[in-house]
Amino acid sequence: MTREAYHKALKNLQDEVLEMAGMVANAIKKSVESLQKRDMNASRVIITNDSLINKKRFAIEEKCISLIATQQPMAVDLRVLTSILSIITDLERMGDHAEGIAKISLLIGDEPLVKPLIDIPRMSDIGLSMLDKCLKAFVNRDVEAARLICNEDDTVDALHDQVYRELLILMIQNPKIIHQATYLTWVSHNLERIADRVTNIAERIVFMVTGKMEEMNVSKY
């Protein structure tokens, strides 16, 4: 492979990561929307489409391993390839969390929600905003932007705690809703984990650029 072809392959890999991230972001957004709207069909589509995210992850992984094995990249390029392997793993798990929310929606079925969803959509919006900023930092190799993204995780953690407290109070007041309220705490947990995984990606971007591993997801909340 010529150097020109090699660098083109690296650029194509980056584009595929962005494509996969777009698939994951759409799954997250749609999973919360389907829960809000009680749209069972939309939930089923999300569950079915999770296999496409998985296939995308494996395809990118295979290309990364092939480049590492055949081109023996050094320094920066090797960090890019190993970082991509880590990033797509977190993206795939984020897709699983979205699938989990869709499955919870099906478990709730056609029951009316025990309370209007306010903080759960906020958690989703913040997580998706964090992911969007993370992708821009990935493309621009922007270390400072990646570090700042990690600070937003505390907001999601705080919302998760708030959702948990509110649902716990509702369960104490009305034990009949314990079943559904428990499901909604699982939804909140999935969204909290999505934000954590965006933080993982931000940490990997810092490593990709600087060569230094930094843990930045220690909660200040």
Protein backbone atom coordinates (compact mmCIF):
# COMPACT_ATOMS: atom_id res chain seq x y z
CA MET A 1 0.00 0.00 0.00
CA THR A 2 1.42 3.41 -0.96
CA ARG A 3 1.63 6.18 1.64
CA GLU A 4 -1.12 8.05 -0.19
CA ALA A 5 -3.39 5.00 -0.12
CA TYR A 6 -2.52 4.42 3.54
CA HIS A 7 -3.47 7.95 4.59
CA LYS A 8 -6.65 7.68 2.52
CA ALA A 9 -7.50 4.47 4.39
CA LEU A 10 -6.98 6.28 7.71
CA LYS A 11 -9.27 9.10 6.58
CA ASN A 12 -11.90 6.59 5.48
CA LEU A 13 -11.74 4.93 8.89
CA GLN A 14 -12.37 8.27 10.57
CA ASP A 15 -15.39 8.83 8.31
CA GLU A 16 -16.73 5.38 9.21
CA VAL A 17 -16.41 6.16 12.92
CA LEU A 18 -18.46 9.32 12.37
CA GLU A 19 -21.03 7.31 10.42
CA MET A 20 -21.29 4.76 13.22
CA ALA A 21 -21.61 7.56 15.78
CA GLY A 22 -24.47 9.01 13.74
CA MET A 23 -26.24 5.65 13.85
CA VAL A 24 -25.79 5.50 17.62
CA ALA A 25 -26.96 9.09 18.18
CA ASN A 26 -30.09 8.39 16.15
CA ALA A 27 -30.80 5.23 18.18
CA ILE A 28 -30.46 7.14 21.47
CA LYS A 29 -32.70 9.98 20.31
CA LYS A 30 -35.35 7.65 18.89
CA SER A 31 -35.33 5.36 21.93
CA VAL A 32 -36.29 8.20 24.28
CA GLU A 33 -38.82 9.58 21.80
CA SER A 34 -40.47 6.17 21.41
CA LEU A 35 -40.68 5.88 25.21
CA GLN A 36 -42.28 9.32 25.50
CA LYS A 37 -44.76 8.69 22.70
CA ARG A 38 -45.41 5.05 23.69
CA ASP A 39 -44.55 4.10 20.11
CA MET A 40 -44.05 0.34 20.20
CA ASN A 41 -43.24 0.05 16.50
CA ALA A 42 -40.46 2.63 16.76
CA SER A 43 -39.04 0.75 19.74
CA ARG A 44 -39.00 -2.49 17.76
CA VAL A 45 -37.15 -0.78 14.90
CA ILE A 46 -34.45 0.42 17.29
CA ILE A 47 -34.01 -3.10 18.64
CA THR A 48 -33.78 -4.57 15.15
CA ASN A 49 -31.34 -1.91 13.93
CA ASP A 50 -28.92 -2.51 16.80
CA SER A 51 -27.45 -5.37 14.77
CA LEU A 52 -26.47 -2.82 12.08
CA ILE A 53 -24.48 -0.85 14.67
CA ASN A 54 -22.77 -4.06 15.77
CA LYS A 55 -21.88 -4.95 12.18
CA LYS A 56 -20.46 -1.47 11.62
CA ARG A 57 -18.28 -1.83 14.71
CA PHE A 58 -16.91 -5.19 13.55
CA ALA A 59 -16.21 -3.87 10.03
CA ILE A 60 -14.24 -0.91 11.38
CA GLU A 61 -12.41 -3.14 13.83
CA GLU A 62 -11.37 -5.51 11.06
CA LYS A 63 -10.00 -2.65 8.95
CA CYS A 64 -8.05 -1.23 11.92
CA ILE A 65 -6.47 -4.58 12.69
CA SER A 66 -5.60 -5.09 9.03
CA LEU A 67 -3.84 -1.72 8.85
CA ILE A 68 -1.94 -2.39 12.05
CA ALA A 69 -0.85 -5.81 10.83
CA THR A 70 0.10 -4.86 7.29
CA GLN A 71 1.36 -1.27 7.59
CA GLN A 72 3.08 -1.39 11.00
CA PRO A 73 2.13 2.20 11.82
CA MET A 74 4.32 4.18 14.17
CA ALA A 75 3.63 6.72 16.92
CA VAL A 76 0.70 9.01 16.04
CA ASP A 77 -0.89 6.73 13.46
CA LEU A 78 -0.75 3.76 15.82
CA ARG A 79 -2.40 5.84 18.55
CA VAL A 80 -5.13 6.84 16.11
CA LEU A 81 -5.85 3.22 15.16
CA THR A 82 -5.84 1.89 18.74
CA SER A 83 -7.99 4.84 19.83
CA ILE A 84 -10.50 4.08 17.09
CA LEU A 85 -10.71 0.48 18.35
CA SER A 86 -11.56 1.82 21.81
CA ILE A 87 -13.98 4.48 20.53
CA ILE A 88 -16.06 2.07 18.45
CA THR A 89 -16.33 -0.27 21.43
CA ASP A 90 -17.85 2.53 23.51
CA LEU A 91 -20.11 3.55 20.62
CA GLU A 92 -21.34 -0.02 20.25
CA ARG A 93 -22.13 -0.18 23.96
CA MET A 94 -23.99 3.14 23.71
CA GLY A 95 -26.08 1.53 20.99
CA ASP A 96 -26.80 -1.32 23.41
CA HIS A 97 -27.99 1.20 26.01
CA ALA A 98 -30.36 2.72 23.43
CA GLU A 99 -31.60 -0.76 22.60
CA GLY A 100 -32.12 -1.32 26.32
CA ILE A 101 -34.33 1.75 26.55
CA ALA A 102 -36.39 0.51 23.59
CA LYS A 103 -36.81 -2.87 25.28
CA ILE A 104 -37.94 -1.17 28.48
CA SER A 105 -40.52 0.75 26.45
CA LEU A 106 -41.90 -2.57 25.21
CA LEU A 107 -41.93 -3.96 28.76
CA ILE A 108 -44.02 -0.99 29.91
CA GLY A 109 -46.33 -1.65 26.97
CA ASP A 110 -49.41 0.48 26.54
CA GLU A 111 -49.52 1.61 30.18
CA PRO A 112 -49.66 5.40 30.62
CA LEU A 113 -46.45 6.70 32.14
CA VAL A 114 -46.56 7.27 35.89
CA LYS A 115 -45.21 10.79 35.43
CA PRO A 116 -44.37 13.13 32.54
CA LEU A 117 -40.81 12.58 31.33
CA ILE A 118 -38.86 15.78 31.94
CA ASP A 119 -35.40 14.97 33.25
CA ILE A 120 -34.98 11.77 31.20
CA PRO A 121 -35.23 13.67 27.87
CA ARG A 122 -32.86 16.30 29.34
CA MET A 123 -30.36 13.55 30.10
CA SER A 124 -30.68 12.32 26.53
CA ASP A 125 -30.22 15.81 25.09
CA ILE A 126 -27.11 16.48 27.18
CA GLY A 127 -25.61 13.10 26.32
CA LEU A 128 -26.20 13.67 22.61
CA SER A 129 -24.70 17.17 22.84
CA MET A 130 -21.66 15.70 24.58
CA LEU A 131 -21.32 13.10 21.82
CA ASP A 132 -21.57 15.74 19.09
CA LYS A 133 -18.86 17.84 20.74
CA CYS A 134 -16.74 14.75 21.19
CA LEU A 135 -16.93 13.90 17.50
CA LYS A 136 -15.86 17.43 16.59
CA ALA A 137 -12.93 17.12 19.00
CA PHE A 138 -12.05 13.80 17.38
CA VAL A 139 -12.00 15.29 13.89
CA ASN A 140 -10.15 18.44 14.97
CA ARG A 141 -7.80 16.62 17.38
CA ASP A 142 -8.91 19.18 19.97
CA VAL A 143 -7.59 18.11 23.37
CA GLU A 144 -9.02 21.04 25.35
CA ALA A 145 -12.50 20.53 23.92
CA ALA A 146 -12.30 16.84 24.84
CA ARG A 147 -11.37 17.70 28.43
CA LEU A 148 -14.24 20.17 28.76
CA ILE A 149 -16.76 17.56 27.59
CA CYS A 150 -15.93 15.40 30.59
CA ASN A 151 -17.13 18.11 32.96
CA GLU A 152 -20.68 17.83 31.55
CA ASP A 153 -20.96 14.26 32.84
CA ASP A 154 -21.62 15.63 36.34
CA THR A 155 -24.83 17.27 35.11
CA VAL A 156 -26.11 13.95 33.79
CA ASP A 157 -25.17 12.23 37.06
CA ALA A 158 -27.12 14.87 39.02
CA LEU A 159 -30.19 14.40 36.81
CA HIS A 160 -29.97 10.63 37.23
CA ASP A 161 -29.98 11.06 41.02
CA GLN A 162 -32.95 13.40 40.76
CA VAL A 163 -34.94 10.96 38.61
CA TYR A 164 -34.16 8.16 41.06
CA ARG A 165 -35.32 10.23 44.06
CA GLU A 166 -38.54 11.34 42.38
CA LEU A 167 -39.44 7.81 41.30
CA LEU A 168 -38.62 6.45 44.76
CA ILE A 169 -41.02 8.97 46.35
CA LEU A 170 -43.74 7.95 43.87
CA MET A 171 -43.21 4.28 44.70
CA ILE A 172 -43.52 4.99 48.43
CA GLN A 173 -46.72 6.97 47.84
CA ASN A 174 -48.23 4.39 45.50
CA PRO A 175 -46.78 0.85 45.60
CA LYS A 176 -48.91 -0.11 42.59
CA ILE A 177 -46.56 1.79 40.28
CA ILE A 178 -43.36 0.15 41.57
CA HIS A 179 -43.12 -2.08 38.49
CA GLN A 180 -43.10 0.75 35.93
CA ALA A 181 -41.16 3.18 38.12
CA THR A 182 -38.39 0.59 38.39
CA TYR A 183 -38.28 0.34 34.61
CA LEU A 184 -37.92 4.12 34.36
CA THR A 185 -34.99 4.09 36.77
CA TRP A 186 -33.36 1.61 34.37
CA VAL A 187 -33.91 4.07 31.53
CA SER A 188 -32.22 6.79 33.54
CA HIS A 189 -29.34 4.45 34.34
CA ASN A 190 -28.85 3.67 30.64
CA LEU A 191 -28.64 7.38 29.84
CA GLU A 192 -26.19 7.95 32.69
CA ARG A 193 -23.99 5.18 31.29
CA ILE A 194 -24.17 6.71 27.80
CA ALA A 195 -22.70 9.95 29.17
CA ASP A 196 -19.98 7.93 30.92
CA ARG A 197 -19.06 6.30 27.64
CA VAL A 198 -18.85 9.66 25.89
CA THR A 199 -16.38 10.61 28.61
CA ASN A 200 -14.39 7.47 27.80
CA ILE A 201 -14.23 8.59 24.17
CA ALA A 202 -13.06 12.05 25.21
CA GLU A 203 -10.28 10.48 27.28
CA ARG A 204 -9.25 8.40 24.28
CA ILE A 205 -9.08 11.52 22.10
CA VAL A 206 -6.68 13.09 24.59
CA PHE A 207 -4.52 9.97 24.43
CA MET A 208 -4.70 9.90 20.64
CA VAL A 209 -3.27 13.42 20.42
CA THR A 210 -0.91 13.56 23.40
CA GLY A 211 0.06 9.96 23.99
CA LYS A 212 -0.90 10.34 27.66
CA MET A 213 -3.63 8.35 29.37
CA GLU A 214 -5.73 10.59 31.63
CA GLU A 215 -8.74 9.66 33.73
CA MET A 216 -11.14 12.56 33.52
CA ASN A 217 -14.44 10.97 34.50
CA VAL A 218 -14.01 11.18 38.28
CA SER A 219 -17.28 12.79 39.34
CA LYS A 220 -17.14 16.11 41.14
CA TYR A 221 -20.86 15.89 41.93
